[in-house]
Amino acid sequence: MMRMTHTTPEEALRVFTDLRARTFVAMHWGTFELSDEPIDEPPRRLLAAARAMSLPEERVWVLAHGETRAF
């Protein structure tokens, strides 16, 4: 439904690596229930894809709701 304005977790990681960014921070996952997928599926897919791409855990952040971190 939102393909024209959003990326999949896997696409987002490809953009991250293409840009040679230092830190990936997952955004607004679990905020709204807008699809048939389980609400925690996007972060699980993101972390699985990051592992498959051999990205270090410290570079890919999936924050808990309300969590903060400093760069």
PDB file of N, CA and C in Angstrom:
ATOM      1  N   MET A   1       0.804  -1.189   0.000  1.00  0.00           N
ATOM      2  CA  MET A   1       0.000   0.000   0.000  1.00  0.00           C
ATOM      3  C   MET A   1       0.859   1.271   0.000  1.00  0.00           C
ATOM      4  N   MET A   2       1.978   1.249   0.681  1.00  0.00           N
ATOM      5  CA  MET A   2       2.781   2.465   0.822  1.00  0.00           C
ATOM      6  C   MET A   2       4.079   2.398   0.028  1.00  0.00           C
ATOM      7  N   ARG A   3       4.135   1.513  -0.931  1.00  0.00           N
ATOM      8  CA  ARG A   3       5.358   1.281  -1.696  1.00  0.00           C
ATOM      9  C   ARG A   3       5.918   2.538  -2.356  1.00  0.00           C
ATOM     10  N   MET A   4       5.061   3.435  -2.774  1.00  0.00           N
ATOM     11  CA  MET A   4       5.533   4.637  -3.473  1.00  0.00           C
ATOM     12  C   MET A   4       6.234   5.636  -2.540  1.00  0.00           C
ATOM     13  N   THR A   5       5.998   5.539  -1.239  1.00  0.00           N
ATOM     14  CA  THR A   5       6.578   6.512  -0.313  1.00  0.00           C
ATOM     15  C   THR A   5       7.434   5.896   0.793  1.00  0.00           C
ATOM     16  N   HIS A   6       7.514   4.576   0.848  1.00  0.00           N
ATOM     17  CA  HIS A   6       8.293   3.906   1.885  1.00  0.00           C
ATOM     18  C   HIS A   6       9.181   2.839   1.260  1.00  0.00           C
ATOM     19  N   THR A   7      10.237   2.496   1.970  1.00  0.00           N
ATOM     20  CA  THR A   7      11.099   1.396   1.540  1.00  0.00           C
ATOM     21  C   THR A   7      10.849   0.185   2.431  1.00  0.00           C
ATOM     22  N   THR A   8      11.208  -0.969   1.940  1.00  0.00           N
ATOM     23  CA  THR A   8      11.177  -2.170   2.779  1.00  0.00           C
ATOM     24  C   THR A   8      12.414  -2.131   3.678  1.00  0.00           C
ATOM     25  N   PRO A   9      12.450  -2.938   4.712  1.00  0.00           N
ATOM     26  CA  PRO A   9      13.665  -2.979   5.541  1.00  0.00           C
ATOM     27  C   PRO A   9      14.913  -3.321   4.713  1.00  0.00           C
ATOM     28  N   GLU A  10      14.760  -4.241   3.785  1.00  0.00           N
ATOM     29  CA  GLU A  10      15.902  -4.652   2.955  1.00  0.00           C
ATOM     30  C   GLU A  10      16.350  -3.519   2.030  1.00  0.00           C
ATOM     31  N   GLU A  11      15.395  -2.818   1.432  1.00  0.00           N
ATOM     32  CA  GLU A  11      15.735  -1.681   0.569  1.00  0.00           C
ATOM     33  C   GLU A  11      16.414  -0.576   1.372  1.00  0.00           C
ATOM     34  N   ALA A  12      15.917  -0.329   2.577  1.00  0.00           N
ATOM     35  CA  ALA A  12      16.504   0.709   3.420  1.00  0.00           C
ATOM     36  C   ALA A  12      17.964   0.401   3.746  1.00  0.00           C
ATOM     37  N   LEU A  13      18.272  -0.855   3.991  1.00  0.00           N
ATOM     38  CA  LEU A  13      19.667  -1.225   4.258  1.00  0.00           C
ATOM     39  C   LEU A  13      20.534  -1.072   3.017  1.00  0.00           C
ATOM     40  N   ARG A  14      19.984  -1.350   1.850  1.00  0.00           N
ATOM     41  CA  ARG A  14      20.751  -1.135   0.614  1.00  0.00           C
ATOM     42  C   ARG A  14      21.065   0.349   0.435  1.00  0.00           C
ATOM     43  N   VAL A  15      20.104   1.208   0.714  1.00  0.00           N
ATOM     44  CA  VAL A  15      20.348   2.656   0.646  1.00  0.00           C
ATOM     45  C   VAL A  15      21.431   3.041   1.646  1.00  0.00           C
ATOM     46  N   PHE A  16      21.330   2.530   2.855  1.00  0.00           N
ATOM     47  CA  PHE A  16      22.309   2.795   3.911  1.00  0.00           C
ATOM     48  C   PHE A  16      23.727   2.434   3.452  1.00  0.00           C
ATOM     49  N   THR A  17      23.879   1.252   2.867  1.00  0.00           N
ATOM     50  CA  THR A  17      25.217   0.840   2.428  1.00  0.00           C
ATOM     51  C   THR A  17      25.652   1.617   1.183  1.00  0.00           C
ATOM     52  N   ASP A  18      24.721   1.894   0.280  1.00  0.00           N
ATOM     53  CA  ASP A  18      25.069   2.684  -0.916  1.00  0.00           C
ATOM     54  C   ASP A  18      25.581   4.069  -0.529  1.00  0.00           C
ATOM     55  N   LEU A  19      24.984   4.650   0.496  1.00  0.00           N
ATOM     56  CA  LEU A  19      25.395   5.988   0.954  1.00  0.00           C
ATOM     57  C   LEU A  19      26.635   5.957   1.839  1.00  0.00           C
ATOM     58  N   ARG A  20      27.048   4.750   2.212  1.00  0.00           N
ATOM     59  CA  ARG A  20      28.192   4.571   3.114  1.00  0.00           C
ATOM     60  C   ARG A  20      27.991   5.319   4.433  1.00  0.00           C
ATOM     61  N   ALA A  21      26.765   5.253   4.923  1.00  0.00           N
ATOM     62  CA  ALA A  21      26.434   5.903   6.192  1.00  0.00           C
ATOM     63  C   ALA A  21      27.068   5.134   7.351  1.00  0.00           C
ATOM     64  N   ARG A  22      27.224   5.801   8.470  1.00  0.00           N
ATOM     65  CA  ARG A  22      27.856   5.169   9.628  1.00  0.00           C
ATOM     66  C   ARG A  22      26.869   4.415  10.503  1.00  0.00           C
ATOM     67  N   THR A  23      25.696   4.998  10.734  1.00  0.00           N
ATOM     68  CA  THR A  23      24.731   4.400  11.653  1.00  0.00           C
ATOM     69  C   THR A  23      23.338   4.412  11.035  1.00  0.00           C
ATOM     70  N   PHE A  24      22.655   3.279  11.107  1.00  0.00           N
ATOM     71  CA  PHE A  24      21.285   3.141  10.635  1.00  0.00           C
ATOM     72  C   PHE A  24      20.375   3.154  11.861  1.00  0.00           C
ATOM     73  N   VAL A  25      19.372   4.025  11.845  1.00  0.00           N
ATOM     74  CA  VAL A  25      18.402   4.082  12.935  1.00  0.00           C
ATOM     75  C   VAL A  25      17.021   3.816  12.333  1.00  0.00           C
ATOM     76  N   ALA A  26      16.408   2.703  12.733  1.00  0.00           N
ATOM     77  CA  ALA A  26      15.075   2.360  12.234  1.00  0.00           C
ATOM     78  C   ALA A  26      14.072   3.406  12.709  1.00  0.00           C
ATOM     79  N   MET A  27      13.196   3.849  11.798  1.00  0.00           N
ATOM     80  CA  MET A  27      12.248   4.913  12.111  1.00  0.00           C
ATOM     81  C   MET A  27      10.810   4.431  12.117  1.00  0.00           C
ATOM     82  N   HIS A  28      10.049   4.965  12.962  1.00  0.00           N
ATOM     83  CA  HIS A  28       8.598   4.819  13.135  1.00  0.00           C
ATOM     84  C   HIS A  28       8.020   3.429  12.875  1.00  0.00           C
ATOM     85  N   TRP A  29       8.777   2.399  13.194  1.00  0.00           N
ATOM     86  CA  TRP A  29       8.207   1.052  13.115  1.00  0.00           C
ATOM     87  C   TRP A  29       7.307   0.869  14.336  1.00  0.00           C
ATOM     88  N   GLY A  30       6.228   0.128  14.149  1.00  0.00           N
ATOM     89  CA  GLY A  30       5.315  -0.140  15.254  1.00  0.00           C
ATOM     90  C   GLY A  30       4.476   1.042  15.686  1.00  0.00           C
ATOM     91  N   THR A  31       4.515   2.124  14.911  1.00  0.00           N
ATOM     92  CA  THR A  31       3.770   3.321  15.278  1.00  0.00           C
ATOM     93  C   THR A  31       2.299   3.210  14.903  1.00  0.00           C
ATOM     94  N   PHE A  32       2.056   2.732  13.689  1.00  0.00           N
ATOM     95  CA  PHE A  32       0.686   2.597  13.194  1.00  0.00           C
ATOM     96  C   PHE A  32       0.504   1.200  12.624  1.00  0.00           C
ATOM     97  N   GLU A  33      -0.641   0.633  12.811  1.00  0.00           N
ATOM     98  CA  GLU A  33      -0.957  -0.660  12.216  1.00  0.00           C
ATOM     99  C   GLU A  33      -1.635  -0.388  10.869  1.00  0.00           C
ATOM    100  N   LEU A  34      -0.830  -0.438   9.789  1.00  0.00           N
ATOM    101  CA  LEU A  34      -1.321  -0.060   8.467  1.00  0.00           C
ATOM    102  C   LEU A  34      -1.309  -1.198   7.457  1.00  0.00           C
ATOM    103  N   SER A  35      -0.895  -2.383   7.876  1.00  0.00           N
ATOM    104  CA  SER A  35      -0.805  -3.482   6.924  1.00  0.00           C
ATOM    105  C   SER A  35      -1.193  -4.784   7.604  1.00  0.00           C
ATOM    106  N   ASP A  36      -1.147  -5.849   6.828  1.00  0.00           N
ATOM    107  CA  ASP A  36      -1.487  -7.165   7.364  1.00  0.00           C
ATOM    108  C   ASP A  36      -0.319  -7.831   8.086  1.00  0.00           C
ATOM    109  N   GLU A  37       0.881  -7.283   7.947  1.00  0.00           N
ATOM    110  CA  GLU A  37       2.055  -7.894   8.586  1.00  0.00           C
ATOM    111  C   GLU A  37       2.008  -7.670  10.097  1.00  0.00           C
ATOM    112  N   PRO A  38       2.591  -8.587  10.863  1.00  0.00           N
ATOM    113  CA  PRO A  38       2.692  -8.358  12.312  1.00  0.00           C
ATOM    114  C   PRO A  38       3.466  -7.069  12.570  1.00  0.00           C
ATOM    115  N   ILE A  39       3.101  -6.353  13.597  1.00  0.00           N
ATOM    116  CA  ILE A  39       3.668  -5.026  13.854  1.00  0.00           C
ATOM    117  C   ILE A  39       5.173  -5.080  14.127  1.00  0.00           C
ATOM    118  N   ASP A  40       5.687  -6.238  14.583  1.00  0.00           N
ATOM    119  CA  ASP A  40       7.130  -6.343  14.851  1.00  0.00           C
ATOM    120  C   ASP A  40       7.902  -6.987  13.696  1.00  0.00           C
ATOM    121  N   GLU A  41       7.241  -7.225  12.582  1.00  0.00           N
ATOM    122  CA  GLU A  41       7.934  -7.860  11.452  1.00  0.00           C
ATOM    123  C   GLU A  41       9.012  -6.973  10.818  1.00  0.00           C
ATOM    124  N   PRO A  42       8.756  -5.686  10.563  1.00  0.00           N
ATOM    125  CA  PRO A  42       9.809  -4.876   9.928  1.00  0.00           C
ATOM    126  C   PRO A  42      11.138  -4.853  10.686  1.00  0.00           C
ATOM    127  N   PRO A  43      11.150  -4.649  12.021  1.00  0.00           N
ATOM    128  CA  PRO A  43      12.458  -4.662  12.681  1.00  0.00           C
ATOM    129  C   PRO A  43      13.120  -6.035  12.660  1.00  0.00           C
ATOM    130  N   ARG A  44      12.331  -7.103  12.724  1.00  0.00           N
ATOM    131  CA  ARG A  44      12.915  -8.448  12.635  1.00  0.00           C
ATOM    132  C   ARG A  44      13.532  -8.662  11.254  1.00  0.00           C
ATOM    133  N   ARG A  45      12.836  -8.237  10.213  1.00  0.00           N
ATOM    134  CA  ARG A  45      13.376  -8.363   8.852  1.00  0.00           C
ATOM    135  C   ARG A  45      14.627  -7.515   8.690  1.00  0.00           C
ATOM    136  N   LEU A  46      14.614  -6.325   9.252  1.00  0.00           N
ATOM    137  CA  LEU A  46      15.772  -5.429   9.156  1.00  0.00           C
ATOM    138  C   LEU A  46      17.000  -6.073   9.789  1.00  0.00           C
ATOM    139  N   LEU A  47      16.849  -6.593  10.990  1.00  0.00           N
ATOM    140  CA  LEU A  47      17.995  -7.197  11.677  1.00  0.00           C
ATOM    141  C   LEU A  47      18.466  -8.462  10.968  1.00  0.00           C
ATOM    142  N   ALA A  48      17.556  -9.242  10.431  1.00  0.00           N
ATOM    143  CA  ALA A  48      17.948 -10.445   9.682  1.00  0.00           C
ATOM    144  C   ALA A  48      18.721 -10.047   8.425  1.00  0.00           C
ATOM    145  N   ALA A  49      18.259  -9.014   7.738  1.00  0.00           N
ATOM    146  CA  ALA A  49      18.953  -8.551   6.533  1.00  0.00           C
ATOM    147  C   ALA A  49      20.323  -7.976   6.891  1.00  0.00           C
ATOM    148  N   ALA A  50      20.408  -7.244   7.995  1.00  0.00           N
ATOM    149  CA  ALA A  50      21.700  -6.683   8.428  1.00  0.00           C
ATOM    150  C   ALA A  50      22.699  -7.790   8.714  1.00  0.00           C
ATOM    151  N   ARG A  51      22.233  -8.856   9.374  1.00  0.00           N
ATOM    152  CA  ARG A  51      23.122 -10.004   9.638  1.00  0.00           C
ATOM    153  C   ARG A  51      23.550 -10.653   8.324  1.00  0.00           C
ATOM    154  N   ALA A  52      22.615 -10.814   7.393  1.00  0.00           N
ATOM    155  CA  ALA A  52      22.936 -11.427   6.098  1.00  0.00           C
ATOM    156  C   ALA A  52      23.949 -10.591   5.324  1.00  0.00           C
ATOM    157  N   MET A  53      23.934  -9.282   5.549  1.00  0.00           N
ATOM    158  CA  MET A  53      24.873  -8.382   4.876  1.00  0.00           C
ATOM    159  C   MET A  53      26.163  -8.208   5.679  1.00  0.00           C
ATOM    160  N   SER A  54      26.284  -8.912   6.798  1.00  0.00           N
ATOM    161  CA  SER A  54      27.452  -8.835   7.689  1.00  0.00           C
ATOM    162  C   SER A  54      27.702  -7.432   8.222  1.00  0.00           C
ATOM    163  N   LEU A  55      26.623  -6.692   8.476  1.00  0.00           N
ATOM    164  CA  LEU A  55      26.763  -5.365   9.074  1.00  0.00           C
ATOM    165  C   LEU A  55      26.912  -5.521  10.585  1.00  0.00           C
ATOM    166  N   PRO A  56      27.849  -4.830  11.197  1.00  0.00           N
ATOM    167  CA  PRO A  56      28.033  -4.931  12.641  1.00  0.00           C
ATOM    168  C   PRO A  56      26.801  -4.426  13.394  1.00  0.00           C
ATOM    169  N   GLU A  57      26.430  -5.114  14.479  1.00  0.00           N
ATOM    170  CA  GLU A  57      25.252  -4.744  15.270  1.00  0.00           C
ATOM    171  C   GLU A  57      25.300  -3.308  15.753  1.00  0.00           C
ATOM    172  N   GLU A  58      26.479  -2.793  16.051  1.00  0.00           N
ATOM    173  CA  GLU A  58      26.574  -1.427  16.574  1.00  0.00           C
ATOM    174  C   GLU A  58      26.281  -0.365  15.508  1.00  0.00           C
ATOM    175  N   ARG A  59      26.176  -0.768  14.249  1.00  0.00           N
ATOM    176  CA  ARG A  59      25.860   0.194  13.177  1.00  0.00           C
ATOM    177  C   ARG A  59      24.381   0.213  12.801  1.00  0.00           C
ATOM    178  N   VAL A  60      23.610  -0.776  13.255  1.00  0.00           N
ATOM    179  CA  VAL A  60      22.191  -0.869  12.896  1.00  0.00           C
ATOM    180  C   VAL A  60      21.375  -0.855  14.185  1.00  0.00           C
ATOM    181  N   TRP A  61      20.680   0.247  14.410  1.00  0.00           N
ATOM    182  CA  TRP A  61      19.933   0.424  15.643  1.00  0.00           C
ATOM    183  C   TRP A  61      18.438   0.267  15.409  1.00  0.00           C
ATOM    184  N   VAL A  62      17.820  -0.594  16.189  1.00  0.00           N
ATOM    185  CA  VAL A  62      16.361  -0.676  16.262  1.00  0.00           C
ATOM    186  C   VAL A  62      16.033  -0.330  17.711  1.00  0.00           C
ATOM    187  N   LEU A  63      15.682   0.912  17.935  1.00  0.00           N
ATOM    188  CA  LEU A  63      15.435   1.377  19.290  1.00  0.00           C
ATOM    189  C   LEU A  63      14.057   0.937  19.777  1.00  0.00           C
ATOM    190  N   ALA A  64      13.966   0.670  21.059  1.00  0.00           N
ATOM    191  CA  ALA A  64      12.670   0.407  21.686  1.00  0.00           C
ATOM    192  C   ALA A  64      11.896   1.718  21.730  1.00  0.00           C
ATOM    193  N   HIS A  65      10.602   1.619  21.804  1.00  0.00           N
ATOM    194  CA  HIS A  65       9.787   2.845  21.872  1.00  0.00           C
ATOM    195  C   HIS A  65      10.198   3.659  23.092  1.00  0.00           C
ATOM    196  N   GLY A  66      10.552   4.905  22.859  1.00  0.00           N
ATOM    197  CA  GLY A  66      10.990   5.797  23.936  1.00  0.00           C
ATOM    198  C   GLY A  66      12.473   5.745  24.225  1.00  0.00           C
ATOM    199  N   GLU A  67      13.198   4.820  23.629  1.00  0.00           N
ATOM    200  CA  GLU A  67      14.640   4.701  23.873  1.00  0.00           C
ATOM    201  C   GLU A  67      15.396   5.824  23.182  1.00  0.00           C
ATOM    202  N   THR A  68      16.453   6.286  23.802  1.00  0.00           N
ATOM    203  CA  THR A  68      17.345   7.273  23.195  1.00  0.00           C
ATOM    204  C   THR A  68      18.768   6.761  23.230  1.00  0.00           C
ATOM    205  N   ARG A  69      19.576   7.242  22.314  1.00  0.00           N
ATOM    206  CA  ARG A  69      21.007   6.926  22.292  1.00  0.00           C
ATOM    207  C   ARG A  69      21.756   8.165  21.828  1.00  0.00           C
ATOM    208  N   ALA A  70      22.986   8.237  22.229  1.00  0.00           N
ATOM    209  CA  ALA A  70      23.852   9.339  21.802  1.00  0.00           C
ATOM    210  C   ALA A  70      24.825   8.806  20.755  1.00  0.00           C
ATOM    211  N   PHE A  71      25.140   9.639  19.782  1.00  0.00           N
ATOM    212  CA  PHE A  71      26.113   9.256  18.755  1.00  0.00           C
ATOM    213  C   PHE A  71      27.497   9.477  19.278  1.00  0.00           C
TER     214      PHE A  71
END
